[in-house]
C-alpha atoms as a PDB file:
ATOM      1  CA  MET A   1     -72.212-130.993 -24.394  1.00  0.00           C
ATOM      2  CA  THR A   2     -75.694-131.960 -25.388  1.00  0.00           C
ATOM      3  CA  GLU A   3     -78.581-131.473 -23.130  1.00  0.00           C
ATOM      4  CA  GLN A   4     -81.145-134.158 -22.733  1.00  0.00           C
ATOM      5  CA  PRO A   5     -84.724-132.949 -23.030  1.00  0.00           C
ATOM      6  CA  GLN A   6     -86.371-132.945 -19.725  1.00  0.00           C
ATOM      7  CA  GLN A   7     -89.093-135.491 -19.215  1.00  0.00           C
ATOM      8  CA  PRO A   8     -92.317-133.979 -17.970  1.00  0.00           C
ATOM      9  CA  GLN A   9     -92.837-134.787 -14.406  1.00  0.00           C
ATOM     10  CA  ASP A  10     -95.993-136.363 -13.232  1.00  0.00           C
ATOM     11  CA  THR A  11     -98.391-133.806 -11.986  1.00  0.00           C
ATOM     12  CA  PRO A  12    -100.623-134.744  -9.131  1.00  0.00           C
ATOM     13  CA  GLY A  13    -104.141-135.668 -10.224  1.00  0.00           C
ATOM     14  CA  PHE A  14    -103.240-136.394 -13.858  1.00  0.00           C
ATOM     15  CA  PRO A  15    -102.165-139.791 -15.230  1.00  0.00           C
ATOM     16  CA  PRO A  16     -98.873-140.036 -17.091  1.00  0.00           C
ATOM     17  CA  PRO A  17     -99.045-139.741 -20.918  1.00  0.00           C
ATOM     18  CA  PRO A  18     -99.410-143.058 -22.723  1.00  0.00           C
ATOM     19  CA  GLY A  19     -96.267-144.595 -24.104  1.00  0.00           C
ATOM     20  CA  PRO A  20     -95.770-146.201 -27.472  1.00  0.00           C
ATOM     21  CA  SER A  21     -97.378-149.553 -28.175  1.00  0.00           C
ATOM     22  CA  PRO A  22     -95.024-152.537 -28.058  1.00  0.00           C
ATOM     23  CA  GLY A  23     -93.422-153.221 -31.428  1.00  0.00           C
ATOM     24  CA  MET A  24     -94.044-149.732 -32.806  1.00  0.00           C
ATOM     25  CA  ALA A  25     -91.774-146.796 -33.180  1.00  0.00           C
ATOM     26  CA  PRO A  26     -92.456-144.067 -30.665  1.00  0.00           C
ATOM     27  CA  TYR A  27     -94.664-141.235 -32.012  1.00  0.00           C
ATOM     28  CA  PRO A  28     -94.601-142.139 -35.724  1.00  0.00           C
ATOM     29  CA  TYR A  29     -96.784-139.252 -36.966  1.00  0.00           C
ATOM     30  CA  SER A  30     -96.286-136.595 -34.386  1.00  0.00           C
ATOM     31  CA  TYR A  31     -93.480-134.598 -32.978  1.00  0.00           C
ATOM     32  CA  PRO A  32     -91.572-136.111 -30.123  1.00  0.00           C
ATOM     33  CA  PRO A  33     -92.692-135.110 -26.674  1.00  0.00           C
ATOM     34  CA  GLY A  34     -91.254-131.836 -25.539  1.00  0.00           C
ATOM     35  CA  ALA A  35     -90.515-130.623 -29.094  1.00  0.00           C
ATOM     36  CA  PRO A  36     -92.152-127.319 -30.046  1.00  0.00           C
ATOM     37  CA  ALA A  37     -95.002-127.407 -32.574  1.00  0.00           C
ATOM     38  CA  PRO A  38     -94.139-125.886 -35.955  1.00  0.00           C
ATOM     39  CA  GLY A  39     -95.314-122.359 -36.677  1.00  0.00           C
ATOM     40  CA  PRO A  40     -96.706-120.959 -39.918  1.00  0.00           C
ATOM     41  CA  TYR A  41     -94.758-121.334 -43.105  1.00  0.00           C
ATOM     42  CA  PRO A  42     -92.015-118.775 -43.462  1.00  0.00           C
ATOM     43  CA  GLY A  43     -93.179-115.722 -45.394  1.00  0.00           C
ATOM     44  CA  ALA A  44     -96.865-116.646 -45.163  1.00  0.00           C
ATOM     45  CA  TYR A  45     -99.443-113.919 -44.851  1.00  0.00           C
ATOM     46  CA  PRO A  46    -101.281-113.678 -41.561  1.00  0.00           C
ATOM     47  CA  PRO A  47    -104.991-114.542 -41.579  1.00  0.00           C
ATOM     48  CA  PRO A  48    -107.401-111.628 -42.014  1.00  0.00           C
ATOM     49  CA  PRO A  49    -108.750-110.099 -38.821  1.00  0.00           C
ATOM     50  CA  MET A  50    -112.175-111.139 -37.639  1.00  0.00           C
ATOM     51  CA  PRO A  51    -114.962-108.570 -38.086  1.00  0.00           C
ATOM     52  CA  TYR A  52    -116.622-107.024 -35.065  1.00  0.00           C
ATOM     53  CA  GLY A  53    -119.691-109.247 -35.258  1.00  0.00           C
ATOM     54  CA  GLY A  54    -117.644-112.383 -34.698  1.00  0.00           C
ATOM     55  CA  ASP A  55    -118.779-114.001 -37.958  1.00  0.00           C
ATOM     56  CA  TYR A  56    -116.187-114.101 -40.672  1.00  0.00           C
ATOM     57  CA  TYR A  57    -118.628-114.394 -43.580  1.00  0.00           C
ATOM     58  CA  PRO A  58    -121.051-111.531 -44.159  1.00  0.00           C
ATOM     59  CA  GLY A  59    -124.766-112.266 -44.218  1.00  0.00           C
ATOM     60  CA  PRO A  60    -126.871-112.236 -47.365  1.00  0.00           C
ATOM     61  CA  GLY A  61    -127.306-108.920 -49.173  1.00  0.00           C
ATOM     62  CA  GLN A  62    -130.521-107.062 -49.730  1.00  0.00           C
ATOM     63  CA  PRO A  63    -133.190-109.053 -51.574  1.00  0.00           C
ATOM     64  CA  ALA A  64    -133.776-108.086 -55.190  1.00  0.00           C
ATOM     65  CA  ARG A  65    -136.540-105.517 -55.712  1.00  0.00           C
ATOM     66  CA  ASN A  66    -138.124-106.997 -58.833  1.00  0.00           C
ATOM     67  CA  GLY A  67    -141.644-105.662 -58.273  1.00  0.00           C
ATOM     68  CA  MET A  68    -141.545-102.836 -60.814  1.00  0.00           C
ATOM     69  CA  GLY A  69    -140.386-105.075 -63.671  1.00  0.00           C
ATOM     70  CA  VAL A  70    -143.031-107.680 -62.916  1.00  0.00           C
ATOM     71  CA  ALA A  71    -145.711-104.988 -62.552  1.00  0.00           C
ATOM     72  CA  ALA A  72    -144.681-103.512 -65.920  1.00  0.00           C
ATOM     73  CA  LEU A  73    -145.094-106.892 -67.593  1.00  0.00           C
ATOM     74  CA  VAL A  74    -148.473-107.621 -65.979  1.00  0.00           C
ATOM     75  CA  VAL A  75    -149.893-104.161 -66.774  1.00  0.00           C
ATOM     76  CA  ALA A  76    -148.562-104.379 -70.350  1.00  0.00           C
ATOM     77  CA  ILE A  77    -150.295-107.722 -70.927  1.00  0.00           C
ATOM     78  CA  ILE A  78    -153.557-106.297 -69.585  1.00  0.00           C
ATOM     79  CA  ALA A  79    -153.052-103.238 -71.798  1.00  0.00           C
ATOM     80  CA  LEU A  80    -152.604-105.435 -74.870  1.00  0.00           C
ATOM     81  CA  PHE A  81    -155.861-107.249 -74.140  1.00  0.00           C
ATOM     82  CA  GLY A  82    -157.600-103.915 -73.599  1.00  0.00           C
ATOM     83  CA  SER A  83    -156.028-102.136 -76.553  1.00  0.00           C
ATOM     84  CA  CYS A  84    -159.335-102.046 -78.441  1.00  0.00           C
ATOM     85  CA  SER A  85    -160.407 -99.338 -75.999  1.00  0.00           C
ATOM     86  CA  VAL A  86    -158.699 -96.032 -75.341  1.00  0.00           C
ATOM     87  CA  VAL A  87    -158.421 -96.502 -71.578  1.00  0.00           C
ATOM     88  CA  GLY A  88    -157.230-100.085 -71.784  1.00  0.00           C
ATOM     89  CA  GLY A  89    -154.536 -99.577 -74.351  1.00  0.00           C
ATOM     90  CA  ILE A  90    -153.237 -96.056 -74.048  1.00  0.00           C
ATOM     91  CA  LEU A  91    -153.624 -95.397 -70.332  1.00  0.00           C
ATOM     92  CA  LEU A  92    -152.429 -98.821 -69.181  1.00  0.00           C
ATOM     93  CA  GLY A  93    -149.753 -98.834 -71.892  1.00  0.00           C
ATOM     94  CA  VAL A  94    -148.333 -95.568 -70.565  1.00  0.00           C
ATOM     95  CA  VAL A  95    -148.370 -96.981 -67.019  1.00  0.00           C
ATOM     96  CA  ALA A  96    -146.553-100.124 -68.238  1.00  0.00           C
ATOM     97  CA  VAL A  97    -143.906 -98.027 -70.020  1.00  0.00           C
ATOM     98  CA  ILE A  98    -143.309 -95.927 -66.885  1.00  0.00           C
ATOM     99  CA  LEU A  99    -143.062 -99.018 -64.668  1.00  0.00           C
ATOM    100  CA  GLY A 100    -140.714-100.616 -67.202  1.00  0.00           C
ATOM    101  CA  PHE A 101    -138.375 -97.612 -67.118  1.00  0.00           C
ATOM    102  CA  ILE A 102    -138.382 -97.633 -63.312  1.00  0.00           C
ATOM    103  CA  GLY A 103    -137.639-101.376 -63.336  1.00  0.00           C
ATOM    104  CA  ARG A 104    -134.762-100.915 -65.803  1.00  0.00           C
ATOM    105  CA  GLY A 105    -133.355 -98.170 -63.576  1.00  0.00           C
ATOM    106  CA  ARG A 106    -133.370-100.539 -60.605  1.00  0.00           C
ATOM    107  CA  VAL A 107    -131.550-103.159 -62.655  1.00  0.00           C
ATOM    108  CA  LYS A 108    -128.867-100.652 -63.673  1.00  0.00           C
ATOM    109  CA  ARG A 109    -128.370 -99.657 -60.019  1.00  0.00           C
ATOM    110  CA  GLY A 110    -128.094-103.316 -59.005  1.00  0.00           C
ATOM    111  CA  GLU A 111    -131.261-103.277 -56.891  1.00  0.00           C
ATOM    112  CA  ALA A 112    -133.097-105.764 -59.134  1.00  0.00           C
ATOM    113  CA  ASN A 113    -132.106-108.643 -61.362  1.00  0.00           C
ATOM    114  CA  ASN A 114    -135.032-108.944 -63.796  1.00  0.00           C
ATOM    115  CA  GLY A 115    -133.938-106.633 -66.589  1.00  0.00           C
ATOM    116  CA  GLY A 116    -135.455-108.824 -69.280  1.00  0.00           C
ATOM    117  CA  ILE A 117    -138.881-108.794 -67.669  1.00  0.00           C
ATOM    118  CA  ALA A 118    -138.790-105.020 -67.196  1.00  0.00           C
ATOM    119  CA  THR A 119    -137.732-104.525 -70.820  1.00  0.00           C
ATOM    120  CA  THR A 120    -140.471-106.861 -72.032  1.00  0.00           C
ATOM    121  CA  GLY A 121    -143.049-104.910 -70.039  1.00  0.00           C
ATOM    122  CA  LEU A 122    -141.731-101.666 -71.487  1.00  0.00           C
ATOM    123  CA  VAL A 123    -141.881-102.956 -75.091  1.00  0.00           C
ATOM    124  CA  LEU A 124    -145.331-104.539 -74.706  1.00  0.00           C
ATOM    125  CA  GLY A 125    -146.635-101.341 -73.102  1.00  0.00           C
ATOM    126  CA  GLY A 126    -145.405 -99.363 -76.097  1.00  0.00           C
ATOM    127  CA  LEU A 127    -146.971-101.914 -78.434  1.00  0.00           C
ATOM    128  CA  ALA A 128    -150.297-101.580 -76.596  1.00  0.00           C
ATOM    129  CA  ILE A 129    -150.171 -97.805 -77.124  1.00  0.00           C
ATOM    130  CA  VAL A 130    -149.512 -98.223 -80.860  1.00  0.00           C
ATOM    131  CA  VAL A 131    -152.285-100.810 -81.259  1.00  0.00           C
ATOM    132  CA  SER A 132    -154.736 -98.557 -79.391  1.00  0.00           C
ATOM    133  CA  ILE A 133    -153.905 -95.614 -81.635  1.00  0.00           C
ATOM    134  CA  ALA A 134    -154.498 -97.856 -84.663  1.00  0.00           C
ATOM    135  CA  PHE A 135    -157.886 -98.890 -83.238  1.00  0.00           C
ATOM    136  CA  ILE A 136    -158.796 -95.238 -82.622  1.00  0.00           C
ATOM    137  CA  ALA A 137    -157.931 -94.399 -86.232  1.00  0.00           C
ATOM    138  CA  PHE A 138    -160.014 -97.368 -87.409  1.00  0.00           C
ATOM    139  CA  TYR A 139    -162.975 -96.343 -85.234  1.00  0.00           C
ATOM    140  CA  ALA A 140    -162.815 -92.727 -86.434  1.00  0.00           C
ATOM    141  CA  ASP A 141    -162.667 -93.820 -90.075  1.00  0.00           C
ATOM    142  CA  ALA A 142    -165.606 -96.198 -89.639  1.00  0.00           C
ATOM    143  CA  PHE A 143    -167.601 -93.532 -87.792  1.00  0.00           C
ATOM    144  CA  ASN A 144    -167.091 -91.034 -90.611  1.00  0.00           C
ATOM    145  CA  LYS A 145    -167.693 -93.664 -93.302  1.00  0.00           C
ATOM    146  CA  TYR A 146    -171.131 -94.559 -91.944  1.00  0.00           C
ATOM    147  CA  GLY A 147    -172.263 -90.956 -91.483  1.00  0.00           C
ATOM    148  CA  GLY A 148    -171.039 -90.150 -88.014  1.00  0.00           C
ATOM    149  CA  GLN A 149    -170.486 -86.502 -88.880  1.00  0.00           C
ATOM    150  CA  ASP A 150    -174.099 -86.215 -90.087  1.00  0.00           C
ATOM    151  CA  LEU A 151    -175.234 -87.769 -86.793  1.00  0.00           C
ATOM    152  CA  MET A 152    -173.246 -85.223 -84.805  1.00  0.00           C
ATOM    153  CA  ASN A 153    -174.690 -82.309 -86.829  1.00  0.00           C
ATOM    154  CA  CYS A 154    -178.242 -83.685 -86.414  1.00  0.00           C
ATOM    155  CA  ILE A 155    -177.783 -83.982 -82.623  1.00  0.00           C
ATOM    156  CA  GLN A 156    -176.431 -80.425 -82.424  1.00  0.00           C
ATOM    157  CA  ASN A 157    -179.409 -79.090 -84.381  1.00  0.00           C
ATOM    158  CA  ALA A 158    -181.818 -81.016 -82.121  1.00  0.00           C
ATOM    159  CA  ASN A 159    -180.535 -79.115 -79.090  1.00  0.00           C
ATOM    160  CA  SER A 160    -182.051 -80.896 -76.105  1.00  0.00           C
ATOM    161  CA  ASP A 161    -185.231 -82.247 -77.752  1.00  0.00           C
ATOM    162  CA  ASN A 162    -185.150 -85.967 -76.970  1.00  0.00           C
ATOM    163  CA  THR A 163    -187.539 -86.973 -79.760  1.00  0.00           C
ATOM    164  CA  LYS A 164    -185.356 -85.252 -82.402  1.00  0.00           C
ATOM    165  CA  ILE A 165    -182.223 -86.855 -80.911  1.00  0.00           C
ATOM    166  CA  GLN A 166    -183.909 -90.254 -81.078  1.00  0.00           C
ATOM    167  CA  GLN A 167    -184.843 -89.595 -84.735  1.00  0.00           C
ATOM    168  CA  CYS A 168    -181.179 -88.774 -85.446  1.00  0.00           C
ATOM    169  CA  MET A 169    -180.084 -92.029 -83.805  1.00  0.00           C
ATOM    170  CA  ASP A 170    -182.676 -94.047 -85.734  1.00  0.00           C
ATOM    171  CA  GLU A 171    -181.577 -92.457 -89.023  1.00  0.00           C
ATOM    172  CA  PHE A 172    -177.925 -93.265 -88.253  1.00  0.00           C
ATOM    173  CA  GLN A 173    -178.859 -96.865 -87.397  1.00  0.00           C
ATOM    174  CA  ARG A 174    -180.759 -97.286 -90.692  1.00  0.00           C
ATOM    175  CA  ARG A 175    -177.786 -95.875 -92.613  1.00  0.00           C
ATOM    176  CA  VAL A 176    -175.361 -98.306 -90.944  1.00  0.00           C
ATOM    177  CA  GLU A 177    -177.727-101.241 -91.589  1.00  0.00           C
ATOM    178  CA  THR A 178    -178.092-100.433 -95.277  1.00  0.00           C
ATOM    179  CA  GLN A 179    -174.363 -99.887 -95.820  1.00  0.00           C
ATOM    180  CA  THR A 180    -173.286-103.035 -93.970  1.00  0.00           C
ATOM    181  CA  GLY A 181    -176.214-105.240 -95.008  1.00  0.00           C
ATOM    182  CA  GLN A 182    -176.852-106.285 -91.418  1.00  0.00           C
ATOM    183  CA  THR A 183    -179.686-105.445 -89.066  1.00  0.00           C
ATOM    184  CA  ALA A 184    -179.239-104.557 -85.439  1.00  0.00           C
ATOM    185  CA  THR A 185    -179.884-107.248 -82.860  1.00  0.00           C
ATOM    186  CA  PRO A 186    -183.278-106.727 -81.153  1.00  0.00           C
ATOM    187  CA  GLY A 187    -183.091-105.518 -77.595  1.00  0.00           C
ATOM    188  CA  ARG A 188    -180.053-103.368 -78.039  1.00  0.00           C
END
């Protein structure tokens, strides 16, 4: 006893489903009418549940906070150019080193992605400090070589007498000119 599948009855207001074209097999790529559609593969995992927002894919993460690494590099470059002065090299070099350490900390925490730039700023800031200290040592040696200590003693002995202080400065200038073989530029 086999049951024949029931043909869908025409519903009022809807046309009947189209039949197969002449000369073609009925429903060649689909399931016959009235047959149930196949379900998921046996043993397949169900799809993950949708999140509350309705979107399956999460939005972009937080933007990278690369400002400290870039600032460390910029300040370190300025410090290198200004390393012939104490303020330019040492002060800005220390600032660059601090900013470089902060930038490296952000990279380690995953907040930034410019670890190389932060490290470069840190290294160049340290180099600016070293170069500035070398310039300070050079300046101090040159000052003492050309009689800077004598100038300081002369100014201390002059107290606040401006004419004696000017004589001390003139004597120091003559000493520098004779030792270097160069005269000072007029107007300075």
